[in-house]
Amino acid sequence: AKGLTLATARRAQVVSPAQGRIAYAGPFRGYAGIVIIDHDNGWATLVTGLGVLTAKVGQAVIQGSPIGTADGRDPRITVELRHNGQPIDILPIVSG
């Protein structure tokens, strides 16, 4: 995977990395809490590792909008950027 995994504090607030609309919020293939944010033009962000989801499908978000909290037992959040369904290496984007 080309995502970025971040260690967080237990139950830390997790926010949207960019503006978009919540396309999915719930469990998926072994992930307890996942949010998919649609950014238009084929771009989407997947955020996994959420213990509590506060985002709702169809909700518009801006950068910094709360989408949930980190898990209380294993507080690691993974962020993956996709374009037309394909994972994009996020490291060059976040490292400047």
PDB file of N, CA and C in Angstrom:
ATOM      1  N   ALA A   1       0.846  -1.194   0.000  1.00  0.00           N
ATOM      2  CA  ALA A   1       0.000   0.000   0.000  1.00  0.00           C
ATOM      3  C   ALA A   1       0.877   1.237   0.000  1.00  0.00           C
ATOM      4  N   LYS A   2       0.343   2.315  -0.496  1.00  0.00           N
ATOM      5  CA  LYS A   2       1.097   3.559  -0.593  1.00  0.00           C
ATOM      6  C   LYS A   2       0.600   4.595   0.391  1.00  0.00           C
ATOM      7  N   GLY A   3      -0.121   4.140   1.415  1.00  0.00           N
ATOM      8  CA  GLY A   3      -0.650   5.056   2.415  1.00  0.00           C
ATOM      9  C   GLY A   3       0.403   5.435   3.434  1.00  0.00           C
ATOM     10  N   LEU A   4       0.001   6.294   4.336  1.00  0.00           N
ATOM     11  CA  LEU A   4       0.857   6.773   5.408  1.00  0.00           C
ATOM     12  C   LEU A   4       0.185   6.413   6.724  1.00  0.00           C
ATOM     13  N   THR A   5       0.879   5.655   7.578  1.00  0.00           N
ATOM     14  CA  THR A   5       0.324   5.259   8.868  1.00  0.00           C
ATOM     15  C   THR A   5       0.925   6.137   9.956  1.00  0.00           C
ATOM     16  N   LEU A   6       0.048   6.688  10.789  1.00  0.00           N
ATOM     17  CA  LEU A   6       0.453   7.614  11.844  1.00  0.00           C
ATOM     18  C   LEU A   6       0.044   7.063  13.198  1.00  0.00           C
ATOM     19  N   ALA A   7       0.965   7.072  14.154  1.00  0.00           N
ATOM     20  CA  ALA A   7       0.621   6.715  15.532  1.00  0.00           C
ATOM     21  C   ALA A   7      -0.034   7.936  16.169  1.00  0.00           C
ATOM     22  N   THR A   8      -1.120   7.719  16.887  1.00  0.00           N
ATOM     23  CA  THR A   8      -1.836   8.825  17.522  1.00  0.00           C
ATOM     24  C   THR A   8      -2.076   8.500  18.991  1.00  0.00           C
ATOM     25  N   ALA A   9      -2.577   9.470  19.711  1.00  0.00           N
ATOM     26  CA  ALA A   9      -3.035   9.219  21.076  1.00  0.00           C
ATOM     27  C   ALA A   9      -4.329   8.418  21.000  1.00  0.00           C
ATOM     28  N   ARG A  10      -4.603   7.632  22.020  1.00  0.00           N
ATOM     29  CA  ARG A  10      -5.866   6.893  22.063  1.00  0.00           C
ATOM     30  C   ARG A  10      -7.026   7.877  21.999  1.00  0.00           C
ATOM     31  N   ARG A  11      -7.989   7.550  21.170  1.00  0.00           N
ATOM     32  CA  ARG A  11      -9.216   8.333  21.011  1.00  0.00           C
ATOM     33  C   ARG A  11      -8.963   9.778  20.565  1.00  0.00           C
ATOM     34  N   ALA A  12      -7.832  10.017  19.902  1.00  0.00           N
ATOM     35  CA  ALA A  12      -7.539  11.355  19.371  1.00  0.00           C
ATOM     36  C   ALA A  12      -8.526  11.693  18.261  1.00  0.00           C
ATOM     37  N   GLN A  13      -8.875  12.967  18.161  1.00  0.00           N
ATOM     38  CA  GLN A  13      -9.770  13.399  17.091  1.00  0.00           C
ATOM     39  C   GLN A  13      -9.045  13.273  15.751  1.00  0.00           C
ATOM     40  N   VAL A  14      -9.742  12.750  14.751  1.00  0.00           N
ATOM     41  CA  VAL A  14      -9.209  12.611  13.401  1.00  0.00           C
ATOM     42  C   VAL A  14     -10.014  13.537  12.506  1.00  0.00           C
ATOM     43  N   VAL A  15      -9.305  14.289  11.642  1.00  0.00           N
ATOM     44  CA  VAL A  15      -9.971  15.279  10.796  1.00  0.00           C
ATOM     45  C   VAL A  15      -9.733  14.981   9.322  1.00  0.00           C
ATOM     46  N   SER A  16     -10.576  15.553   8.488  1.00  0.00           N
ATOM     47  CA  SER A  16     -10.450  15.400   7.042  1.00  0.00           C
ATOM     48  C   SER A  16      -9.180  16.104   6.560  1.00  0.00           C
ATOM     49  N   PRO A  17      -8.380  15.430   5.728  1.00  0.00           N
ATOM     50  CA  PRO A  17      -7.170  16.072   5.219  1.00  0.00           C
ATOM     51  C   PRO A  17      -7.442  17.109   4.131  1.00  0.00           C
ATOM     52  N   ALA A  18      -8.641  17.088   3.550  1.00  0.00           N
ATOM     53  CA  ALA A  18      -8.964  18.017   2.464  1.00  0.00           C
ATOM     54  C   ALA A  18     -10.481  18.102   2.288  1.00  0.00           C
ATOM     55  N   GLN A  19     -10.900  19.074   1.515  1.00  0.00           N
ATOM     56  CA  GLN A  19     -12.327  19.277   1.228  1.00  0.00           C
ATOM     57  C   GLN A  19     -12.868  18.133   0.384  1.00  0.00           C
ATOM     58  N   GLY A  20     -14.113  17.769   0.642  1.00  0.00           N
ATOM     59  CA  GLY A  20     -14.755  16.733  -0.156  1.00  0.00           C
ATOM     60  C   GLY A  20     -16.105  16.359   0.412  1.00  0.00           C
ATOM     61  N   ARG A  21     -16.578  15.184   0.025  1.00  0.00           N
ATOM     62  CA  ARG A  21     -17.865  14.672   0.497  1.00  0.00           C
ATOM     63  C   ARG A  21     -17.652  13.232   0.957  1.00  0.00           C
ATOM     64  N   ILE A  22     -18.261  12.873   2.084  1.00  0.00           N
ATOM     65  CA  ILE A  22     -18.106  11.525   2.624  1.00  0.00           C
ATOM     66  C   ILE A  22     -18.839  10.539   1.711  1.00  0.00           C
ATOM     67  N   ALA A  23     -18.073   9.628   1.104  1.00  0.00           N
ATOM     68  CA  ALA A  23     -18.642   8.617   0.212  1.00  0.00           C
ATOM     69  C   ALA A  23     -18.964   7.329   0.966  1.00  0.00           C
ATOM     70  N   TYR A  24     -18.219   7.063   2.049  1.00  0.00           N
ATOM     71  CA  TYR A  24     -18.434   5.846   2.836  1.00  0.00           C
ATOM     72  C   TYR A  24     -17.942   6.092   4.249  1.00  0.00           C
ATOM     73  N   ALA A  25     -18.656   5.550   5.220  1.00  0.00           N
ATOM     74  CA  ALA A  25     -18.236   5.602   6.627  1.00  0.00           C
ATOM     75  C   ALA A  25     -18.761   4.348   7.312  1.00  0.00           C
ATOM     76  N   GLY A  26     -17.863   3.468   7.731  1.00  0.00           N
ATOM     77  CA  GLY A  26     -18.279   2.235   8.389  1.00  0.00           C
ATOM     78  C   GLY A  26     -17.184   1.195   8.360  1.00  0.00           C
ATOM     79  N   PRO A  27     -17.507  -0.046   8.723  1.00  0.00           N
ATOM     80  CA  PRO A  27     -16.523  -1.128   8.662  1.00  0.00           C
ATOM     81  C   PRO A  27     -16.333  -1.591   7.219  1.00  0.00           C
ATOM     82  N   PHE A  28     -15.153  -2.137   6.921  1.00  0.00           N
ATOM     83  CA  PHE A  28     -14.889  -2.621   5.567  1.00  0.00           C
ATOM     84  C   PHE A  28     -13.739  -3.617   5.606  1.00  0.00           C
ATOM     85  N   ARG A  29     -13.974  -4.841   5.156  1.00  0.00           N
ATOM     86  CA  ARG A  29     -12.942  -5.877   4.996  1.00  0.00           C
ATOM     87  C   ARG A  29     -11.947  -5.932   6.151  1.00  0.00           C
ATOM     88  N   GLY A  30     -12.432  -6.079   7.348  1.00  0.00           N
ATOM     89  CA  GLY A  30     -11.543  -6.223   8.491  1.00  0.00           C
ATOM     90  C   GLY A  30     -11.131  -4.922   9.147  1.00  0.00           C
ATOM     91  N   TYR A  31     -11.424  -3.807   8.508  1.00  0.00           N
ATOM     92  CA  TYR A  31     -11.158  -2.507   9.130  1.00  0.00           C
ATOM     93  C   TYR A  31     -12.389  -2.130   9.937  1.00  0.00           C
ATOM     94  N   ALA A  32     -12.198  -1.834  11.206  1.00  0.00           N
ATOM     95  CA  ALA A  32     -13.343  -1.491  12.060  1.00  0.00           C
ATOM     96  C   ALA A  32     -13.992  -0.192  11.607  1.00  0.00           C
ATOM     97  N   GLY A  33     -13.201   0.843  11.432  1.00  0.00           N
ATOM     98  CA  GLY A  33     -13.752   2.132  11.026  1.00  0.00           C
ATOM     99  C   GLY A  33     -12.964   2.720   9.879  1.00  0.00           C
ATOM    100  N   ILE A  34     -13.628   2.951   8.764  1.00  0.00           N
ATOM    101  CA  ILE A  34     -12.991   3.546   7.594  1.00  0.00           C
ATOM    102  C   ILE A  34     -13.895   4.641   7.050  1.00  0.00           C
ATOM    103  N   VAL A  35     -13.274   5.733   6.626  1.00  0.00           N
ATOM    104  CA  VAL A  35     -13.997   6.822   5.974  1.00  0.00           C
ATOM    105  C   VAL A  35     -13.361   7.027   4.602  1.00  0.00           C
ATOM    106  N   ILE A  36     -14.202   7.137   3.579  1.00  0.00           N
ATOM    107  CA  ILE A  36     -13.733   7.458   2.232  1.00  0.00           C
ATOM    108  C   ILE A  36     -14.289   8.828   1.881  1.00  0.00           C
ATOM    109  N   ILE A  37     -13.377   9.733   1.530  1.00  0.00           N
ATOM    110  CA  ILE A  37     -13.756  11.102   1.180  1.00  0.00           C
ATOM    111  C   ILE A  37     -13.551  11.279  -0.318  1.00  0.00           C
ATOM    112  N   ASP A  38     -14.605  11.641  -1.030  1.00  0.00           N
ATOM    113  CA  ASP A  38     -14.554  11.888  -2.473  1.00  0.00           C
ATOM    114  C   ASP A  38     -14.199  13.353  -2.689  1.00  0.00           C
ATOM    115  N   HIS A  39     -13.111  13.598  -3.432  1.00  0.00           N
ATOM    116  CA  HIS A  39     -12.645  14.965  -3.693  1.00  0.00           C
ATOM    117  C   HIS A  39     -12.956  15.426  -5.120  1.00  0.00           C
ATOM    118  N   ASP A  40     -13.739  14.663  -5.869  1.00  0.00           N
ATOM    119  CA  ASP A  40     -14.080  14.963  -7.268  1.00  0.00           C
ATOM    120  C   ASP A  40     -12.910  14.669  -8.210  1.00  0.00           C
ATOM    121  N   ASN A  41     -13.200  14.650  -9.482  1.00  0.00           N
ATOM    122  CA  ASN A  41     -12.223  14.414 -10.550  1.00  0.00           C
ATOM    123  C   ASN A  41     -11.414  13.130 -10.347  1.00  0.00           C
ATOM    124  N   GLY A  42     -12.049  12.111  -9.743  1.00  0.00           N
ATOM    125  CA  GLY A  42     -11.386  10.828  -9.562  1.00  0.00           C
ATOM    126  C   GLY A  42     -10.522  10.710  -8.323  1.00  0.00           C
ATOM    127  N   TRP A  43     -10.410  11.759  -7.532  1.00  0.00           N
ATOM    128  CA  TRP A  43      -9.573  11.747  -6.331  1.00  0.00           C
ATOM    129  C   TRP A  43     -10.384  11.366  -5.103  1.00  0.00           C
ATOM    130  N   ALA A  44      -9.787  10.544  -4.239  1.00  0.00           N
ATOM    131  CA  ALA A  44     -10.431  10.146  -2.984  1.00  0.00           C
ATOM    132  C   ALA A  44      -9.360   9.879  -1.936  1.00  0.00           C
ATOM    133  N   THR A  45      -9.737  10.052  -0.678  1.00  0.00           N
ATOM    134  CA  THR A  45      -8.866   9.726   0.446  1.00  0.00           C
ATOM    135  C   THR A  45      -9.550   8.668   1.295  1.00  0.00           C
ATOM    136  N   LEU A  46      -8.800   7.634   1.678  1.00  0.00           N
ATOM    137  CA  LEU A  46      -9.278   6.616   2.612  1.00  0.00           C
ATOM    138  C   LEU A  46      -8.582   6.856   3.942  1.00  0.00           C
ATOM    139  N   VAL A  47      -9.350   6.883   5.010  1.00  0.00           N
ATOM    140  CA  VAL A  47      -8.801   7.010   6.358  1.00  0.00           C
ATOM    141  C   VAL A  47      -9.259   5.786   7.134  1.00  0.00           C
ATOM    142  N   THR A  48      -8.304   4.978   7.610  1.00  0.00           N
ATOM    143  CA  THR A  48      -8.643   3.762   8.346  1.00  0.00           C
ATOM    144  C   THR A  48      -8.088   3.837   9.766  1.00  0.00           C
ATOM    145  N   GLY A  49      -8.583   2.964  10.624  1.00  0.00           N
ATOM    146  CA  GLY A  49      -8.115   2.910  12.000  1.00  0.00           C
ATOM    147  C   GLY A  49      -8.969   3.707  12.963  1.00  0.00           C
ATOM    148  N   LEU A  50     -10.159   4.103  12.517  1.00  0.00           N
ATOM    149  CA  LEU A  50     -11.037   4.891  13.376  1.00  0.00           C
ATOM    150  C   LEU A  50     -11.787   3.986  14.345  1.00  0.00           C
ATOM    151  N   GLY A  51     -11.821   4.377  15.606  1.00  0.00           N
ATOM    152  CA  GLY A  51     -12.578   3.640  16.609  1.00  0.00           C
ATOM    153  C   GLY A  51     -14.021   4.093  16.662  1.00  0.00           C
ATOM    154  N   VAL A  52     -14.225   5.391  16.473  1.00  0.00           N
ATOM    155  CA  VAL A  52     -15.565   5.986  16.449  1.00  0.00           C
ATOM    156  C   VAL A  52     -15.660   6.842  15.199  1.00  0.00           C
ATOM    157  N   LEU A  53     -16.753   6.669  14.450  1.00  0.00           N
ATOM    158  CA  LEU A  53     -16.998   7.474  13.249  1.00  0.00           C
ATOM    159  C   LEU A  53     -18.008   8.564  13.574  1.00  0.00           C
ATOM    160  N   THR A  54     -17.678   9.806  13.221  1.00  0.00           N
ATOM    161  CA  THR A  54     -18.644  10.895  13.377  1.00  0.00           C
ATOM    162  C   THR A  54     -19.111  11.404  12.019  1.00  0.00           C
ATOM    163  N   ALA A  55     -18.364  11.092  10.960  1.00  0.00           N
ATOM    164  CA  ALA A  55     -18.747  11.499   9.609  1.00  0.00           C
ATOM    165  C   ALA A  55     -19.926  10.661   9.130  1.00  0.00           C
ATOM    166  N   LYS A  56     -20.779  11.272   8.341  1.00  0.00           N
ATOM    167  CA  LYS A  56     -21.954  10.600   7.779  1.00  0.00           C
ATOM    168  C   LYS A  56     -21.871  10.635   6.251  1.00  0.00           C
ATOM    169  N   VAL A  57     -22.310   9.555   5.614  1.00  0.00           N
ATOM    170  CA  VAL A  57     -22.307   9.491   4.149  1.00  0.00           C
ATOM    171  C   VAL A  57     -23.099  10.665   3.586  1.00  0.00           C
ATOM    172  N   GLY A  58     -22.513  11.332   2.595  1.00  0.00           N
ATOM    173  CA  GLY A  58     -23.147  12.485   1.963  1.00  0.00           C
ATOM    174  C   GLY A  58     -22.757  13.813   2.582  1.00  0.00           C
ATOM    175  N   GLN A  59     -22.138  13.780   3.750  1.00  0.00           N
ATOM    176  CA  GLN A  59     -21.746  15.003   4.451  1.00  0.00           C
ATOM    177  C   GLN A  59     -20.612  15.703   3.709  1.00  0.00           C
ATOM    178  N   ALA A  60     -20.722  17.020   3.536  1.00  0.00           N
ATOM    179  CA  ALA A  60     -19.638  17.820   2.973  1.00  0.00           C
ATOM    180  C   ALA A  60     -18.649  18.136   4.088  1.00  0.00           C
ATOM    181  N   VAL A  61     -17.354  18.021   3.784  1.00  0.00           N
ATOM    182  CA  VAL A  61     -16.315  18.331   4.757  1.00  0.00           C
ATOM    183  C   VAL A  61     -15.305  19.290   4.135  1.00  0.00           C
ATOM    184  N   ILE A  62     -14.657  20.046   4.990  1.00  0.00           N
ATOM    185  CA  ILE A  62     -13.537  20.877   4.571  1.00  0.00           C
ATOM    186  C   ILE A  62     -12.297  20.351   5.281  1.00  0.00           C
ATOM    187  N   GLN A  63     -11.135  20.819   4.875  1.00  0.00           N
ATOM    188  CA  GLN A  63      -9.918  20.413   5.566  1.00  0.00           C
ATOM    189  C   GLN A  63     -10.056  20.760   7.041  1.00  0.00           C
ATOM    190  N   GLY A  64      -9.829  19.782   7.908  1.00  0.00           N
ATOM    191  CA  GLY A  64      -9.931  19.998   9.346  1.00  0.00           C
ATOM    192  C   GLY A  64     -11.262  19.621   9.960  1.00  0.00           C
ATOM    193  N   SER A  65     -12.248  19.242   9.136  1.00  0.00           N
ATOM    194  CA  SER A  65     -13.545  18.802   9.677  1.00  0.00           C
ATOM    195  C   SER A  65     -13.366  17.485  10.423  1.00  0.00           C
ATOM    196  N   PRO A  66     -13.899  17.358  11.653  1.00  0.00           N
ATOM    197  CA  PRO A  66     -13.812  16.092  12.379  1.00  0.00           C
ATOM    198  C   PRO A  66     -14.540  14.974  11.623  1.00  0.00           C
ATOM    199  N   ILE A  67     -13.897  13.804  11.533  1.00  0.00           N
ATOM    200  CA  ILE A  67     -14.537  12.653  10.884  1.00  0.00           C
ATOM    201  C   ILE A  67     -14.631  11.455  11.824  1.00  0.00           C
ATOM    202  N   GLY A  68     -13.960  11.523  12.976  1.00  0.00           N
ATOM    203  CA  GLY A  68     -14.018  10.425  13.936  1.00  0.00           C
ATOM    204  C   GLY A  68     -12.912  10.540  14.955  1.00  0.00           C
ATOM    205  N   THR A  69     -12.716   9.447  15.705  1.00  0.00           N
ATOM    206  CA  THR A  69     -11.627   9.392  16.679  1.00  0.00           C
ATOM    207  C   THR A  69     -10.832   8.109  16.482  1.00  0.00           C
ATOM    208  N   ALA A  70      -9.575   8.173  16.870  1.00  0.00           N
ATOM    209  CA  ALA A  70      -8.697   7.013  16.773  1.00  0.00           C
ATOM    210  C   ALA A  70      -9.176   5.918  17.718  1.00  0.00           C
ATOM    211  N   ASP A  71      -8.773   4.715  17.410  1.00  0.00           N
ATOM    212  CA  ASP A  71      -9.137   3.564  18.227  1.00  0.00           C
ATOM    213  C   ASP A  71      -8.561   3.708  19.640  1.00  0.00           C
ATOM    214  N   GLY A  72      -9.250   3.161  20.612  1.00  0.00           N
ATOM    215  CA  GLY A  72      -8.796   3.238  21.993  1.00  0.00           C
ATOM    216  C   GLY A  72      -7.756   2.199  22.361  1.00  0.00           C
ATOM    217  N   ARG A  73      -7.645   1.127  21.570  1.00  0.00           N
ATOM    218  CA  ARG A  73      -6.695   0.053  21.871  1.00  0.00           C
ATOM    219  C   ARG A  73      -5.440   0.119  21.019  1.00  0.00           C
ATOM    220  N   ASP A  74      -5.598   0.372  19.733  1.00  0.00           N
ATOM    221  CA  ASP A  74      -4.475   0.401  18.792  1.00  0.00           C
ATOM    222  C   ASP A  74      -4.576   1.691  17.980  1.00  0.00           C
ATOM    223  N   PRO A  75      -4.131   2.810  18.559  1.00  0.00           N
ATOM    224  CA  PRO A  75      -4.365   4.110  17.929  1.00  0.00           C
ATOM    225  C   PRO A  75      -3.399   4.425  16.783  1.00  0.00           C
ATOM    226  N   ARG A  76      -3.659   3.803  15.637  1.00  0.00           N
ATOM    227  CA  ARG A  76      -2.895   4.090  14.421  1.00  0.00           C
ATOM    228  C   ARG A  76      -3.880   4.407  13.308  1.00  0.00           C
ATOM    229  N   ILE A  77      -3.663   5.512  12.653  1.00  0.00           N
ATOM    230  CA  ILE A  77      -4.514   5.954  11.549  1.00  0.00           C
ATOM    231  C   ILE A  77      -3.716   5.808  10.258  1.00  0.00           C
ATOM    232  N   THR A  78      -4.339   5.244   9.237  1.00  0.00           N
ATOM    233  CA  THR A  78      -3.699   5.169   7.927  1.00  0.00           C
ATOM    234  C   THR A  78      -4.483   6.033   6.956  1.00  0.00           C
ATOM    235  N   VAL A  79      -3.748   6.851   6.199  1.00  0.00           N
ATOM    236  CA  VAL A  79      -4.342   7.736   5.201  1.00  0.00           C
ATOM    237  C   VAL A  79      -3.809   7.306   3.842  1.00  0.00           C
ATOM    238  N   GLU A  80      -4.726   7.053   2.907  1.00  0.00           N
ATOM    239  CA  GLU A  80      -4.328   6.637   1.563  1.00  0.00           C
ATOM    240  C   GLU A  80      -5.034   7.510   0.543  1.00  0.00           C
ATOM    241  N   LEU A  81      -4.265   8.058  -0.386  1.00  0.00           N
ATOM    242  CA  LEU A  81      -4.802   8.875  -1.473  1.00  0.00           C
ATOM    243  C   LEU A  81      -4.958   7.991  -2.704  1.00  0.00           C
ATOM    244  N   ARG A  82      -6.106   8.123  -3.371  1.00  0.00           N
ATOM    245  CA  ARG A  82      -6.353   7.347  -4.591  1.00  0.00           C
ATOM    246  C   ARG A  82      -6.803   8.269  -5.720  1.00  0.00           C
ATOM    247  N   HIS A  83      -6.398   7.910  -6.927  1.00  0.00           N
ATOM    248  CA  HIS A  83      -6.867   8.610  -8.120  1.00  0.00           C
ATOM    249  C   HIS A  83      -7.398   7.564  -9.087  1.00  0.00           C
ATOM    250  N   ASN A  84      -8.670   7.707  -9.440  1.00  0.00           N
ATOM    251  CA  ASN A  84      -9.355   6.729 -10.292  1.00  0.00           C
ATOM    252  C   ASN A  84      -9.192   5.309  -9.745  1.00  0.00           C
ATOM    253  N   GLY A  85      -9.270   5.188  -8.416  1.00  0.00           N
ATOM    254  CA  GLY A  85      -9.221   3.897  -7.756  1.00  0.00           C
ATOM    255  C   GLY A  85      -7.834   3.345  -7.498  1.00  0.00           C
ATOM    256  N   GLN A  86      -6.804   4.001  -8.016  1.00  0.00           N
ATOM    257  CA  GLN A  86      -5.432   3.513  -7.856  1.00  0.00           C
ATOM    258  C   GLN A  86      -4.713   4.263  -6.733  1.00  0.00           C
ATOM    259  N   PRO A  87      -4.024   3.536  -5.835  1.00  0.00           N
ATOM    260  CA  PRO A  87      -3.282   4.202  -4.757  1.00  0.00           C
ATOM    261  C   PRO A  87      -2.171   5.090  -5.317  1.00  0.00           C
ATOM    262  N   ILE A  88      -2.018   6.255  -4.719  1.00  0.00           N
ATOM    263  CA  ILE A  88      -0.988   7.224  -5.095  1.00  0.00           C
ATOM    264  C   ILE A  88      -0.013   7.338  -3.926  1.00  0.00           C
ATOM    265  N   ASP A  89       1.283   7.396  -4.214  1.00  0.00           N
ATOM    266  CA  ASP A  89       2.273   7.564  -3.153  1.00  0.00           C
ATOM    267  C   ASP A  89       2.071   8.933  -2.510  1.00  0.00           C
ATOM    268  N   ILE A  90       1.657   8.934  -1.253  1.00  0.00           N
ATOM    269  CA  ILE A  90       1.299  10.168  -0.559  1.00  0.00           C
ATOM    270  C   ILE A  90       2.520  10.884   0.032  1.00  0.00           C
ATOM    271  N   LEU A  91       3.626  10.167   0.241  1.00  0.00           N
ATOM    272  CA  LEU A  91       4.779  10.745   0.917  1.00  0.00           C
ATOM    273  C   LEU A  91       5.331  12.000   0.232  1.00  0.00           C
ATOM    274  N   PRO A  92       5.509  12.035  -1.097  1.00  0.00           N
ATOM    275  CA  PRO A  92       6.008  13.264  -1.718  1.00  0.00           C
ATOM    276  C   PRO A  92       5.066  14.460  -1.516  1.00  0.00           C
ATOM    277  N   ILE A  93       3.783  14.190  -1.375  1.00  0.00           N
ATOM    278  CA  ILE A  93       2.807  15.271  -1.200  1.00  0.00           C
ATOM    279  C   ILE A  93       2.907  15.864   0.200  1.00  0.00           C
ATOM    280  N   VAL A  94       2.989  15.005   1.214  1.00  0.00           N
ATOM    281  CA  VAL A  94       3.006  15.508   2.592  1.00  0.00           C
ATOM    282  C   VAL A  94       4.387  15.973   3.036  1.00  0.00           C
ATOM    283  N   SER A  95       5.446  15.532   2.355  1.00  0.00           N
ATOM    284  CA  SER A  95       6.787  15.944   2.761  1.00  0.00           C
ATOM    285  C   SER A  95       7.233  17.222   2.058  1.00  0.00           C
ATOM    286  N   GLY A  96       6.394  17.744   1.162  1.00  0.00           N
ATOM    287  CA  GLY A  96       6.689  19.024   0.527  1.00  0.00           C
ATOM    288  C   GLY A  96       7.447  18.837  -0.727  1.00  0.00           C
TER     289      GLY A  96
END
